[in-house]
Every structure is written in structure tokens, then in C-alpha cells.
Amino acid sequence: MYLDDIRDFCLGLGEVNEGFPFDKRTLVFKNPGGMFCLLDIEWEEKTLNLKCAPNRAVVLREEWPDQIRPGWHMNKVHWNTIDADGLPDQLIREMIQHSYDLVVKKSLNKRGKKE
């Protein structure tokens, strides 16, 4: 999967903004709940960071030990670093969708508690 494919998929999920809040290389995708995908626009290493449910993160890391690792510079329980080389495109899309959904769910839970 290429950088442009990932960007198009993220932006197509709905209510998604992109920006560079950390530096000029780290592209961050957010929905109203927060960040769900980060990637280096240089795309040299072809990696992205995605949020993941802790139990699912462990399973994915065991199934794909060379491509899925605990999140680099992120909470290692809730984030994975994904090496896009060698992974099926469909799996990458599923992991992006899962990350997006987790952040939306968290946002909805916070709003429900405030009301």
C-alpha cells in the first residue's frame, strides 16, 4: 500500500482532518475524538502508527512479528507501528478502520458522560 492510498483511505473515513502538529514530516490524521493515524511523509521506512485495542494489538504482533510492533514513541499498550511492506492492503485498511473507530468510540463515551 502506498502513502497516497493510505492518505485517501484515512480522509475518506469521515470528519477527518490532517496536519503536522509535531514537525514537518509527521502527518497526523484526526477525527473529532483525536489522533488515529500517524505516518512519516518521507515514506522511506513505509511505517505508520495506529491505535489498537490492547488484546488485538498483542494478537496482531504475534501473527505479524516482523511487520507489527509496539508503537514507536507512543503508548506501547494502545498503539502499534505498522510496516506496510509485506502486509496485505486489506489488513492495513482494517487496522486503520479499527484505529479510527476506537477514537470515535472514546469521543462518544466522553460526550455521553458530560451530558
PDB file of N, CA and C in Angstrom:
ATOM      1  N   MET A   1       0.854  -1.171   0.000  1.00  0.00           N
ATOM      2  CA  MET A   1       0.000   0.000   0.000  1.00  0.00           C
ATOM      3  C   MET A   1       0.900   1.234   0.000  1.00  0.00           C
ATOM      4  N   TYR A   2       0.537   2.208  -0.788  1.00  0.00           N
ATOM      5  CA  TYR A   2       1.338   3.417  -0.914  1.00  0.00           C
ATOM      6  C   TYR A   2       0.821   4.520  -0.003  1.00  0.00           C
ATOM      7  N   LEU A   3       1.664   5.504   0.249  1.00  0.00           N
ATOM      8  CA  LEU A   3       1.316   6.635   1.092  1.00  0.00           C
ATOM      9  C   LEU A   3       0.026   7.304   0.634  1.00  0.00           C
ATOM     10  N   ASP A   4      -0.105   7.555  -0.666  1.00  0.00           N
ATOM     11  CA  ASP A   4      -1.312   8.210  -1.181  1.00  0.00           C
ATOM     12  C   ASP A   4      -2.558   7.354  -0.957  1.00  0.00           C
ATOM     13  N   ASP A   5      -2.425   6.037  -1.046  1.00  0.00           N
ATOM     14  CA  ASP A   5      -3.555   5.138  -0.793  1.00  0.00           C
ATOM     15  C   ASP A   5      -4.001   5.235   0.665  1.00  0.00           C
ATOM     16  N   ILE A   6      -3.033   5.263   1.563  1.00  0.00           N
ATOM     17  CA  ILE A   6      -3.352   5.363   2.991  1.00  0.00           C
ATOM     18  C   ILE A   6      -3.994   6.720   3.283  1.00  0.00           C
ATOM     19  N   ARG A   7      -3.436   7.773   2.720  1.00  0.00           N
ATOM     20  CA  ARG A   7      -3.989   9.113   2.926  1.00  0.00           C
ATOM     21  C   ARG A   7      -5.422   9.187   2.410  1.00  0.00           C
ATOM     22  N   ASP A   8      -5.659   8.701   1.206  1.00  0.00           N
ATOM     23  CA  ASP A   8      -7.018   8.716   0.643  1.00  0.00           C
ATOM     24  C   ASP A   8      -7.983   7.910   1.503  1.00  0.00           C
ATOM     25  N   PHE A   9      -7.542   6.760   1.983  1.00  0.00           N
ATOM     26  CA  PHE A   9      -8.415   5.933   2.811  1.00  0.00           C
ATOM     27  C   PHE A   9      -8.759   6.662   4.116  1.00  0.00           C
ATOM     28  N   CYS A  10      -7.753   7.233   4.775  1.00  0.00           N
ATOM     29  CA  CYS A  10      -7.994   7.954   6.027  1.00  0.00           C
ATOM     30  C   CYS A  10      -8.959   9.121   5.819  1.00  0.00           C
ATOM     31  N   LEU A  11      -8.720   9.912   4.793  1.00  0.00           N
ATOM     32  CA  LEU A  11      -9.575  11.079   4.544  1.00  0.00           C
ATOM     33  C   LEU A  11     -10.993  10.680   4.157  1.00  0.00           C
ATOM     34  N   GLY A  12     -11.170   9.484   3.627  1.00  0.00           N
ATOM     35  CA  GLY A  12     -12.484   9.009   3.234  1.00  0.00           C
ATOM     36  C   GLY A  12     -13.326   8.468   4.374  1.00  0.00           C
ATOM     37  N   LEU A  13     -12.764   8.397   5.573  1.00  0.00           N
ATOM     38  CA  LEU A  13     -13.497   7.825   6.698  1.00  0.00           C
ATOM     39  C   LEU A  13     -14.544   8.763   7.286  1.00  0.00           C
ATOM     40  N   GLY A  14     -14.446  10.031   7.047  1.00  0.00           N
ATOM     41  CA  GLY A  14     -15.451  10.974   7.540  1.00  0.00           C
ATOM     42  C   GLY A  14     -14.967  11.774   8.723  1.00  0.00           C
ATOM     43  N   GLU A  15     -15.195  13.079   8.663  1.00  0.00           N
ATOM     44  CA  GLU A  15     -14.799  14.022   9.710  1.00  0.00           C
ATOM     45  C   GLU A  15     -13.328  13.883  10.074  1.00  0.00           C
ATOM     46  N   VAL A  16     -12.490  13.714   9.078  1.00  0.00           N
ATOM     47  CA  VAL A  16     -11.054  13.546   9.295  1.00  0.00           C
ATOM     48  C   VAL A  16     -10.318  14.800   8.849  1.00  0.00           C
ATOM     49  N   ASN A  17      -9.418  15.243   9.701  1.00  0.00           N
ATOM     50  CA  ASN A  17      -8.516  16.340   9.379  1.00  0.00           C
ATOM     51  C   ASN A  17      -7.096  15.797   9.367  1.00  0.00           C
ATOM     52  N   GLU A  18      -6.256  16.421   8.557  1.00  0.00           N
ATOM     53  CA  GLU A  18      -4.853  16.045   8.534  1.00  0.00           C
ATOM     54  C   GLU A  18      -4.005  17.274   8.825  1.00  0.00           C
ATOM     55  N   GLY A  19      -2.854  17.040   9.416  1.00  0.00           N
ATOM     56  CA  GLY A  19      -1.980  18.161   9.711  1.00  0.00           C
ATOM     57  C   GLY A  19      -0.634  17.692  10.218  1.00  0.00           C
ATOM     58  N   PHE A  20       0.189  18.671  10.567  1.00  0.00           N
ATOM     59  CA  PHE A  20       1.548  18.421  11.031  1.00  0.00           C
ATOM     60  C   PHE A  20       1.750  19.075  12.397  1.00  0.00           C
ATOM     61  N   PRO A  21       1.114  18.557  13.445  1.00  0.00           N
ATOM     62  CA  PRO A  21       1.220  19.212  14.753  1.00  0.00           C
ATOM     63  C   PRO A  21       2.573  19.032  15.448  1.00  0.00           C
ATOM     64  N   PHE A  22       3.364  18.066  15.029  1.00  0.00           N
ATOM     65  CA  PHE A  22       4.617  17.770  15.723  1.00  0.00           C
ATOM     66  C   PHE A  22       5.847  18.289  14.988  1.00  0.00           C
ATOM     67  N   ASP A  23       5.888  18.091  13.691  1.00  0.00           N
ATOM     68  CA  ASP A  23       7.018  18.514  12.876  1.00  0.00           C
ATOM     69  C   ASP A  23       6.569  18.538  11.417  1.00  0.00           C
ATOM     70  N   LYS A  24       7.503  18.794  10.506  1.00  0.00           N
ATOM     71  CA  LYS A  24       7.139  18.925   9.090  1.00  0.00           C
ATOM     72  C   LYS A  24       7.101  17.592   8.347  1.00  0.00           C
ATOM     73  N   ARG A  25       7.416  16.492   9.032  1.00  0.00           N
ATOM     74  CA  ARG A  25       7.438  15.170   8.386  1.00  0.00           C
ATOM     75  C   ARG A  25       6.333  14.246   8.852  1.00  0.00           C
ATOM     76  N   THR A  26       5.845  14.441  10.074  1.00  0.00           N
ATOM     77  CA  THR A  26       4.873  13.516  10.647  1.00  0.00           C
ATOM     78  C   THR A  26       3.460  13.977  10.348  1.00  0.00           C
ATOM     79  N   LEU A  27       2.835  13.303   9.396  1.00  0.00           N
ATOM     80  CA  LEU A  27       1.455  13.607   9.026  1.00  0.00           C
ATOM     81  C   LEU A  27       0.527  12.895   9.994  1.00  0.00           C
ATOM     82  N   VAL A  28      -0.387  13.657  10.584  1.00  0.00           N
ATOM     83  CA  VAL A  28      -1.302  13.125  11.590  1.00  0.00           C
ATOM     84  C   VAL A  28      -2.736  13.246  11.080  1.00  0.00           C
ATOM     85  N   PHE A  29      -3.473  12.147  11.195  1.00  0.00           N
ATOM     86  CA  PHE A  29      -4.890  12.134  10.852  1.00  0.00           C
ATOM     87  C   PHE A  29      -5.683  12.079  12.141  1.00  0.00           C
ATOM     88  N   LYS A  30      -6.680  12.980  12.250  1.00  0.00           N
ATOM     89  CA  LYS A  30      -7.526  13.064  13.437  1.00  0.00           C
ATOM     90  C   LYS A  30      -8.988  13.030  13.025  1.00  0.00           C
ATOM     91  N   ASN A  31      -9.801  12.462  13.896  1.00  0.00           N
ATOM     92  CA  ASN A  31     -11.242  12.632  13.795  1.00  0.00           C
ATOM     93  C   ASN A  31     -11.631  13.446  15.026  1.00  0.00           C
ATOM     94  N   PRO A  32     -12.902  13.744  15.250  1.00  0.00           N
ATOM     95  CA  PRO A  32     -13.245  14.576  16.406  1.00  0.00           C
ATOM     96  C   PRO A  32     -12.769  14.017  17.753  1.00  0.00           C
ATOM     97  N   GLY A  33     -12.476  12.733  17.817  1.00  0.00           N
ATOM     98  CA  GLY A  33     -12.003  12.140  19.065  1.00  0.00           C
ATOM     99  C   GLY A  33     -10.517  12.265  19.289  1.00  0.00           C
ATOM    100  N   GLY A  34      -9.762  12.516  18.240  1.00  0.00           N
ATOM    101  CA  GLY A  34      -8.317  12.643  18.393  1.00  0.00           C
ATOM    102  C   GLY A  34      -7.558  11.948  17.267  1.00  0.00           C
ATOM    103  N   MET A  35      -6.272  11.714  17.519  1.00  0.00           N
ATOM    104  CA  MET A  35      -5.393  11.104  16.515  1.00  0.00           C
ATOM    105  C   MET A  35      -5.706   9.618  16.358  1.00  0.00           C
ATOM    106  N   PHE A  36      -5.674   9.155  15.112  1.00  0.00           N
ATOM    107  CA  PHE A  36      -5.835   7.725  14.888  1.00  0.00           C
ATOM    108  C   PHE A  36      -4.775   7.151  13.955  1.00  0.00           C
ATOM    109  N   CYS A  37      -4.042   8.004  13.250  1.00  0.00           N
ATOM    110  CA  CYS A  37      -3.009   7.526  12.331  1.00  0.00           C
ATOM    111  C   CYS A  37      -1.910   8.575  12.200  1.00  0.00           C
ATOM    112  N   LEU A  38      -0.669   8.129  12.315  1.00  0.00           N
ATOM    113  CA  LEU A  38       0.486   8.992  12.111  1.00  0.00           C
ATOM    114  C   LEU A  38       1.423   8.300  11.142  1.00  0.00           C
ATOM    115  N   LEU A  39       2.014   9.075  10.230  1.00  0.00           N
ATOM    116  CA  LEU A  39       2.993   8.491   9.323  1.00  0.00           C
ATOM    117  C   LEU A  39       3.994   9.543   8.882  1.00  0.00           C
ATOM    118  N   ASP A  40       5.163   9.070   8.494  1.00  0.00           N
ATOM    119  CA  ASP A  40       6.242   9.923   8.020  1.00  0.00           C
ATOM    120  C   ASP A  40       6.045  10.133   6.521  1.00  0.00           C
ATOM    121  N   ILE A  41       5.893  11.385   6.104  1.00  0.00           N
ATOM    122  CA  ILE A  41       5.608  11.652   4.687  1.00  0.00           C
ATOM    123  C   ILE A  41       6.782  11.324   3.772  1.00  0.00           C
ATOM    124  N   GLU A  42       7.960  11.161   4.337  1.00  0.00           N
ATOM    125  CA  GLU A  42       9.089  10.738   3.510  1.00  0.00           C
ATOM    126  C   GLU A  42       8.883   9.305   3.032  1.00  0.00           C
ATOM    127  N   TRP A  43       8.152   8.520   3.819  1.00  0.00           N
ATOM    128  CA  TRP A  43       7.719   7.160   3.477  1.00  0.00           C
ATOM    129  C   TRP A  43       8.883   6.231   3.133  1.00  0.00           C
ATOM    130  N   GLU A  44      10.065   6.534   3.679  1.00  0.00           N
ATOM    131  CA  GLU A  44      11.241   5.706   3.426  1.00  0.00           C
ATOM    132  C   GLU A  44      11.087   4.319   4.044  1.00  0.00           C
ATOM    133  N   GLU A  45      10.657   4.295   5.297  1.00  0.00           N
ATOM    134  CA  GLU A  45      10.508   3.020   6.002  1.00  0.00           C
ATOM    135  C   GLU A  45       9.123   2.405   5.824  1.00  0.00           C
ATOM    136  N   LYS A  46       8.216   3.147   5.231  1.00  0.00           N
ATOM    137  CA  LYS A  46       6.852   2.681   4.971  1.00  0.00           C
ATOM    138  C   LYS A  46       6.160   2.206   6.250  1.00  0.00           C
ATOM    139  N   THR A  47       6.241   3.036   7.305  1.00  0.00           N
ATOM    140  CA  THR A  47       5.600   2.699   8.565  1.00  0.00           C
ATOM    141  C   THR A  47       4.549   3.732   8.933  1.00  0.00           C
ATOM    142  N   LEU A  48       3.574   3.281   9.717  1.00  0.00           N
ATOM    143  CA  LEU A  48       2.564   4.165  10.260  1.00  0.00           C
ATOM    144  C   LEU A  48       2.224   3.698  11.660  1.00  0.00           C
ATOM    145  N   ASN A  49       1.772   4.612  12.495  1.00  0.00           N
ATOM    146  CA  ASN A  49       1.339   4.282  13.846  1.00  0.00           C
ATOM    147  C   ASN A  49      -0.179   4.327  13.874  1.00  0.00           C
ATOM    148  N   LEU A  50      -0.755   3.261  14.444  1.00  0.00           N
ATOM    149  CA  LEU A  50      -2.207   3.151  14.544  1.00  0.00           C
ATOM    150  C   LEU A  50      -2.607   2.748  15.949  1.00  0.00           C
ATOM    151  N   LYS A  51      -3.692   3.324  16.420  1.00  0.00           N
ATOM    152  CA  LYS A  51      -4.245   2.942  17.713  1.00  0.00           C
ATOM    153  C   LYS A  51      -4.846   1.536  17.581  1.00  0.00           C
ATOM    154  N   CYS A  52      -4.833   0.783  18.684  1.00  0.00           N
ATOM    155  CA  CYS A  52      -5.346  -0.584  18.635  1.00  0.00           C
ATOM    156  C   CYS A  52      -5.804  -1.010  20.026  1.00  0.00           C
ATOM    157  N   ALA A  53      -6.877  -1.761  20.089  1.00  0.00           N
ATOM    158  CA  ALA A  53      -7.322  -2.330  21.358  1.00  0.00           C
ATOM    159  C   ALA A  53      -6.201  -3.226  21.888  1.00  0.00           C
ATOM    160  N   PRO A  54      -5.890  -3.156  23.188  1.00  0.00           N
ATOM    161  CA  PRO A  54      -4.757  -3.893  23.732  1.00  0.00           C
ATOM    162  C   PRO A  54      -4.724  -5.383  23.401  1.00  0.00           C
ATOM    163  N   ASN A  55      -5.826  -6.078  23.544  1.00  0.00           N
ATOM    164  CA  ASN A  55      -5.837  -7.521  23.249  1.00  0.00           C
ATOM    165  C   ASN A  55      -5.580  -7.788  21.771  1.00  0.00           C
ATOM    166  N   ARG A  56      -6.179  -6.984  20.930  1.00  0.00           N
ATOM    167  CA  ARG A  56      -5.970  -7.152  19.493  1.00  0.00           C
ATOM    168  C   ARG A  56      -4.532  -6.816  19.110  1.00  0.00           C
ATOM    169  N   ALA A  57      -3.960  -5.822  19.767  1.00  0.00           N
ATOM    170  CA  ALA A  57      -2.567  -5.439  19.483  1.00  0.00           C
ATOM    171  C   ALA A  57      -1.632  -6.621  19.726  1.00  0.00           C
ATOM    172  N   VAL A  58      -1.835  -7.323  20.815  1.00  0.00           N
ATOM    173  CA  VAL A  58      -0.993  -8.481  21.138  1.00  0.00           C
ATOM    174  C   VAL A  58      -1.138  -9.560  20.070  1.00  0.00           C
ATOM    175  N   VAL A  59      -2.357  -9.851  19.671  1.00  0.00           N
ATOM    176  CA  VAL A  59      -2.600 -10.880  18.655  1.00  0.00           C
ATOM    177  C   VAL A  59      -1.933 -10.501  17.333  1.00  0.00           C
ATOM    178  N   LEU A  60      -2.113  -9.256  16.905  1.00  0.00           N
ATOM    179  CA  LEU A  60      -1.514  -8.814  15.646  1.00  0.00           C
ATOM    180  C   LEU A  60       0.009  -8.882  15.690  1.00  0.00           C
ATOM    181  N   ARG A  61       0.591  -8.495  16.818  1.00  0.00           N
ATOM    182  CA  ARG A  61       2.054  -8.553  16.957  1.00  0.00           C
ATOM    183  C   ARG A  61       2.567  -9.983  16.903  1.00  0.00           C
ATOM    184  N   GLU A  62       1.781 -10.918  17.444  1.00  0.00           N
ATOM    185  CA  GLU A  62       2.179 -12.331  17.397  1.00  0.00           C
ATOM    186  C   GLU A  62       2.033 -12.904  15.988  1.00  0.00           C
ATOM    187  N   GLU A  63       0.973 -12.511  15.280  1.00  0.00           N
ATOM    188  CA  GLU A  63       0.731 -13.022  13.928  1.00  0.00           C
ATOM    189  C   GLU A  63       1.685 -12.429  12.893  1.00  0.00           C
ATOM    190  N   TRP A  64       2.096 -11.191  13.093  1.00  0.00           N
ATOM    191  CA  TRP A  64       2.938 -10.471  12.126  1.00  0.00           C
ATOM    192  C   TRP A  64       4.134  -9.850  12.843  1.00  0.00           C
ATOM    193  N   PRO A  65       5.003 -10.646  13.470  1.00  0.00           N
ATOM    194  CA  PRO A  65       6.080 -10.085  14.303  1.00  0.00           C
ATOM    195  C   PRO A  65       7.075  -9.200  13.554  1.00  0.00           C
ATOM    196  N   ASP A  66       7.258  -9.413  12.268  1.00  0.00           N
ATOM    197  CA  ASP A  66       8.202  -8.589  11.510  1.00  0.00           C
ATOM    198  C   ASP A  66       7.582  -7.288  11.015  1.00  0.00           C
ATOM    199  N   GLN A  67       6.245  -7.215  10.962  1.00  0.00           N
ATOM    200  CA  GLN A  67       5.584  -6.037  10.418  1.00  0.00           C
ATOM    201  C   GLN A  67       4.802  -5.212  11.443  1.00  0.00           C
ATOM    202  N   ILE A  68       4.452  -5.801  12.578  1.00  0.00           N
ATOM    203  CA  ILE A  68       3.646  -5.078  13.567  1.00  0.00           C
ATOM    204  C   ILE A  68       4.347  -5.151  14.920  1.00  0.00           C
ATOM    205  N   ARG A  69       4.683  -3.951  15.438  1.00  0.00           N
ATOM    206  CA  ARG A  69       5.428  -3.844  16.688  1.00  0.00           C
ATOM    207  C   ARG A  69       4.735  -2.839  17.614  1.00  0.00           C
ATOM    208  N   PRO A  70       5.104  -2.850  18.903  1.00  0.00           N
ATOM    209  CA  PRO A  70       4.574  -1.809  19.797  1.00  0.00           C
ATOM    210  C   PRO A  70       4.892  -0.420  19.239  1.00  0.00           C
ATOM    211  N   GLY A  71       3.986   0.499  19.422  1.00  0.00           N
ATOM    212  CA  GLY A  71       4.089   1.827  18.823  1.00  0.00           C
ATOM    213  C   GLY A  71       5.354   2.595  19.173  1.00  0.00           C
ATOM    214  N   TRP A  72       6.070   3.028  18.158  1.00  0.00           N
ATOM    215  CA  TRP A  72       7.280   3.817  18.322  1.00  0.00           C
ATOM    216  C   TRP A  72       6.900   5.207  18.817  1.00  0.00           C
ATOM    217  N   HIS A  73       7.473   5.623  19.924  1.00  0.00           N
ATOM    218  CA  HIS A  73       7.206   6.922  20.558  1.00  0.00           C
ATOM    219  C   HIS A  73       5.741   7.092  20.953  1.00  0.00           C
ATOM    220  N   MET A  74       5.054   5.977  21.174  1.00  0.00           N
ATOM    221  CA  MET A  74       3.636   6.030  21.548  1.00  0.00           C
ATOM    222  C   MET A  74       3.423   5.101  22.745  1.00  0.00           C
ATOM    223  N   ASN A  75       2.240   5.131  23.323  1.00  0.00           N
ATOM    224  CA  ASN A  75       1.888   4.193  24.379  1.00  0.00           C
ATOM    225  C   ASN A  75       1.910   2.790  23.781  1.00  0.00           C
ATOM    226  N   LYS A  76       2.781   1.945  24.278  1.00  0.00           N
ATOM    227  CA  LYS A  76       3.010   0.616  23.698  1.00  0.00           C
ATOM    228  C   LYS A  76       1.820  -0.332  23.877  1.00  0.00           C
ATOM    229  N   VAL A  77       0.932  -0.022  24.795  1.00  0.00           N
ATOM    230  CA  VAL A  77      -0.252  -0.854  25.016  1.00  0.00           C
ATOM    231  C   VAL A  77      -1.327  -0.549  23.975  1.00  0.00           C
ATOM    232  N   HIS A  78      -1.456   0.717  23.613  1.00  0.00           N
ATOM    233  CA  HIS A  78      -2.578   1.165  22.782  1.00  0.00           C
ATOM    234  C   HIS A  78      -2.219   1.522  21.343  1.00  0.00           C
ATOM    235  N   TRP A  79      -0.945   1.470  20.997  1.00  0.00           N
ATOM    236  CA  TRP A  79      -0.525   1.848  19.649  1.00  0.00           C
ATOM    237  C   TRP A  79       0.410   0.803  19.066  1.00  0.00           C
ATOM    238  N   ASN A  80       0.282   0.578  17.768  1.00  0.00           N
ATOM    239  CA  ASN A  80       1.182  -0.290  17.012  1.00  0.00           C
ATOM    240  C   ASN A  80       1.893   0.527  15.944  1.00  0.00           C
ATOM    241  N   THR A  81       3.132   0.153  15.670  1.00  0.00           N
ATOM    242  CA  THR A  81       3.835   0.658  14.497  1.00  0.00           C
ATOM    243  C   THR A  81       3.747  -0.429  13.446  1.00  0.00           C
ATOM    244  N   ILE A  82       3.233  -0.064  12.291  1.00  0.00           N
ATOM    245  CA  ILE A  82       2.955  -1.000  11.207  1.00  0.00           C
ATOM    246  C   ILE A  82       3.957  -0.782  10.076  1.00  0.00           C
ATOM    247  N   ASP A  83       4.635  -1.838   9.677  1.00  0.00           N
ATOM    248  CA  ASP A  83       5.486  -1.794   8.491  1.00  0.00           C
ATOM    249  C   ASP A  83       4.603  -2.238   7.330  1.00  0.00           C
ATOM    250  N   ALA A  84       4.260  -1.301   6.463  1.00  0.00           N
ATOM    251  CA  ALA A  84       3.301  -1.588   5.388  1.00  0.00           C
ATOM    252  C   ALA A  84       3.842  -2.575   4.357  1.00  0.00           C
ATOM    253  N   ASP A  85       5.156  -2.671   4.232  1.00  0.00           N
ATOM    254  CA  ASP A  85       5.731  -3.651   3.302  1.00  0.00           C
ATOM    255  C   ASP A  85       5.463  -5.063   3.809  1.00  0.00           C
ATOM    256  N   GLY A  86       4.917  -5.885   2.953  1.00  0.00           N
ATOM    257  CA  GLY A  86       4.690  -7.279   3.318  1.00  0.00           C
ATOM    258  C   GLY A  86       3.343  -7.571   3.949  1.00  0.00           C
ATOM    259  N   LEU A  87       2.547  -6.549   4.205  1.00  0.00           N
ATOM    260  CA  LEU A  87       1.211  -6.765   4.763  1.00  0.00           C
ATOM    261  C   LEU A  87       0.166  -6.626   3.665  1.00  0.00           C
ATOM    262  N   PRO A  88      -0.873  -7.438   3.719  1.00  0.00           N
ATOM    263  CA  PRO A  88      -1.963  -7.283   2.740  1.00  0.00           C
ATOM    264  C   PRO A  88      -2.635  -5.913   2.897  1.00  0.00           C
ATOM    265  N   ASP A  89      -2.949  -5.293   1.769  1.00  0.00           N
ATOM    266  CA  ASP A  89      -3.619  -3.985   1.796  1.00  0.00           C
ATOM    267  C   ASP A  89      -4.903  -4.027   2.615  1.00  0.00           C
ATOM    268  N   GLN A  90      -5.653  -5.100   2.493  1.00  0.00           N
ATOM    269  CA  GLN A  90      -6.910  -5.207   3.228  1.00  0.00           C
ATOM    270  C   GLN A  90      -6.680  -5.188   4.734  1.00  0.00           C
ATOM    271  N   LEU A  91      -5.628  -5.838   5.199  1.00  0.00           N
ATOM    272  CA  LEU A  91      -5.311  -5.825   6.631  1.00  0.00           C
ATOM    273  C   LEU A  91      -4.945  -4.405   7.076  1.00  0.00           C
ATOM    274  N   ILE A  92      -4.195  -3.694   6.269  1.00  0.00           N
ATOM    275  CA  ILE A  92      -3.841  -2.311   6.614  1.00  0.00           C
ATOM    276  C   ILE A  92      -5.105  -1.459   6.711  1.00  0.00           C
ATOM    277  N   ARG A  93      -5.995  -1.597   5.755  1.00  0.00           N
ATOM    278  CA  ARG A  93      -7.260  -0.843   5.798  1.00  0.00           C
ATOM    279  C   ARG A  93      -8.078  -1.214   7.040  1.00  0.00           C
ATOM    280  N   GLU A  94      -8.126  -2.495   7.377  1.00  0.00           N
ATOM    281  CA  GLU A  94      -8.867  -2.931   8.571  1.00  0.00           C
ATOM    282  C   GLU A  94      -8.273  -2.331   9.841  1.00  0.00           C
ATOM    283  N   MET A  95      -6.936  -2.277   9.919  1.00  0.00           N
ATOM    284  CA  MET A  95      -6.291  -1.711  11.108  1.00  0.00           C
ATOM    285  C   MET A  95      -6.521  -0.205  11.193  1.00  0.00           C
ATOM    286  N   ILE A  96      -6.510   0.478  10.056  1.00  0.00           N
ATOM    287  CA  ILE A  96      -6.811   1.915  10.053  1.00  0.00           C
ATOM    288  C   ILE A  96      -8.252   2.142  10.506  1.00  0.00           C
ATOM    289  N   GLN A  97      -9.179   1.367   9.962  1.00  0.00           N
ATOM    290  CA  GLN A  97     -10.586   1.492  10.349  1.00  0.00           C
ATOM    291  C   GLN A  97     -10.772   1.228  11.838  1.00  0.00           C
ATOM    292  N   HIS A  98     -10.105   0.201  12.356  1.00  0.00           N
ATOM    293  CA  HIS A  98     -10.176  -0.132  13.784  1.00  0.00           C
ATOM    294  C   HIS A  98      -9.674   1.044  14.628  1.00  0.00           C
ATOM    295  N   SER A  99      -8.553   1.633  14.227  1.00  0.00           N
ATOM    296  CA  SER A  99      -7.991   2.765  14.947  1.00  0.00           C
ATOM    297  C   SER A  99      -8.967   3.945  14.941  1.00  0.00           C
ATOM    298  N   TYR A 100      -9.498   4.245  13.771  1.00  0.00           N
ATOM    299  CA  TYR A 100     -10.480   5.326  13.631  1.00  0.00           C
ATOM    300  C   TYR A 100     -11.694   5.072  14.550  1.00  0.00           C
ATOM    301  N   ASP A 101     -12.211   3.852  14.514  1.00  0.00           N
ATOM    302  CA  ASP A 101     -13.388   3.508  15.312  1.00  0.00           C
ATOM    303  C   ASP A 101     -13.120   3.628  16.813  1.00  0.00           C
ATOM    304  N   LEU A 102     -11.935   3.205  17.261  1.00  0.00           N
ATOM    305  CA  LEU A 102     -11.592   3.317  18.682  1.00  0.00           C
ATOM    306  C   LEU A 102     -11.612   4.769  19.147  1.00  0.00           C
ATOM    307  N   VAL A 103     -11.071   5.656  18.328  1.00  0.00           N
ATOM    308  CA  VAL A 103     -11.002   7.062  18.706  1.00  0.00           C
ATOM    309  C   VAL A 103     -12.400   7.686  18.686  1.00  0.00           C
ATOM    310  N   VAL A 104     -13.216   7.332  17.716  1.00  0.00           N
ATOM    311  CA  VAL A 104     -14.600   7.823  17.681  1.00  0.00           C
ATOM    312  C   VAL A 104     -15.358   7.333  18.910  1.00  0.00           C
ATOM    313  N   LYS A 105     -15.210   6.060  19.233  1.00  0.00           N
ATOM    314  CA  LYS A 105     -15.906   5.479  20.392  1.00  0.00           C
ATOM    315  C   LYS A 105     -15.497   6.185  21.679  1.00  0.00           C
ATOM    316  N   LYS A 106     -14.218   6.452  21.822  1.00  0.00           N
ATOM    317  CA  LYS A 106     -13.725   7.149  23.009  1.00  0.00           C
ATOM    318  C   LYS A 106     -14.356   8.533  23.102  1.00  0.00           C
ATOM    319  N   SER A 107     -14.457   9.223  21.988  1.00  0.00           N
ATOM    320  CA  SER A 107     -15.053  10.547  21.950  1.00  0.00           C
ATOM    321  C   SER A 107     -16.533  10.502  22.336  1.00  0.00           C
ATOM    322  N   LEU A 108     -17.245   9.515  21.802  1.00  0.00           N
ATOM    323  CA  LEU A 108     -18.670   9.382  22.115  1.00  0.00           C
ATOM    324  C   LEU A 108     -18.885   9.068  23.589  1.00  0.00           C
ATOM    325  N   ASN A 109     -18.029   8.235  24.160  1.00  0.00           N
ATOM    326  CA  ASN A 109     -18.128   7.911  25.583  1.00  0.00           C
ATOM    327  C   ASN A 109     -17.897   9.137  26.448  1.00  0.00           C
ATOM    328  N   LYS A 110     -16.933   9.970  26.074  1.00  0.00           N
ATOM    329  CA  LYS A 110     -16.660  11.198  26.833  1.00  0.00           C
ATOM    330  C   LYS A 110     -17.841  12.153  26.760  1.00  0.00           C
ATOM    331  N   ARG A 111     -18.430  12.291  25.562  1.00  0.00           N
ATOM    332  CA  ARG A 111     -19.583  13.193  25.415  1.00  0.00           C
ATOM    333  C   ARG A 111     -20.768  12.698  26.215  1.00  0.00           C
ATOM    334  N   GLY A 112     -20.984  11.384  26.237  1.00  0.00           N
ATOM    335  CA  GLY A 112     -22.100  10.813  26.983  1.00  0.00           C
ATOM    336  C   GLY A 112     -21.964  11.039  28.466  1.00  0.00           C
ATOM    337  N   LYS A 113     -20.750  11.029  28.980  1.00  0.00           N
ATOM    338  CA  LYS A 113     -20.528  11.228  30.421  1.00  0.00           C
ATOM    339  C   LYS A 113     -20.746  12.676  30.832  1.00  0.00           C
ATOM    340  N   LYS A 114     -20.539  13.619  29.904  1.00  0.00           N
ATOM    341  CA  LYS A 114     -20.686  15.045  30.214  1.00  0.00           C
ATOM    342  C   LYS A 114     -22.148  15.459  30.228  1.00  0.00           C
ATOM    343  N   GLU A 115     -22.974  14.747  29.519  1.00  0.00           N
ATOM    344  CA  GLU A 115     -24.384  15.158  29.408  1.00  0.00           C
ATOM    345  C   GLU A 115     -25.199  14.742  30.593  1.00  0.00           C
TER     346      GLU A 115
END
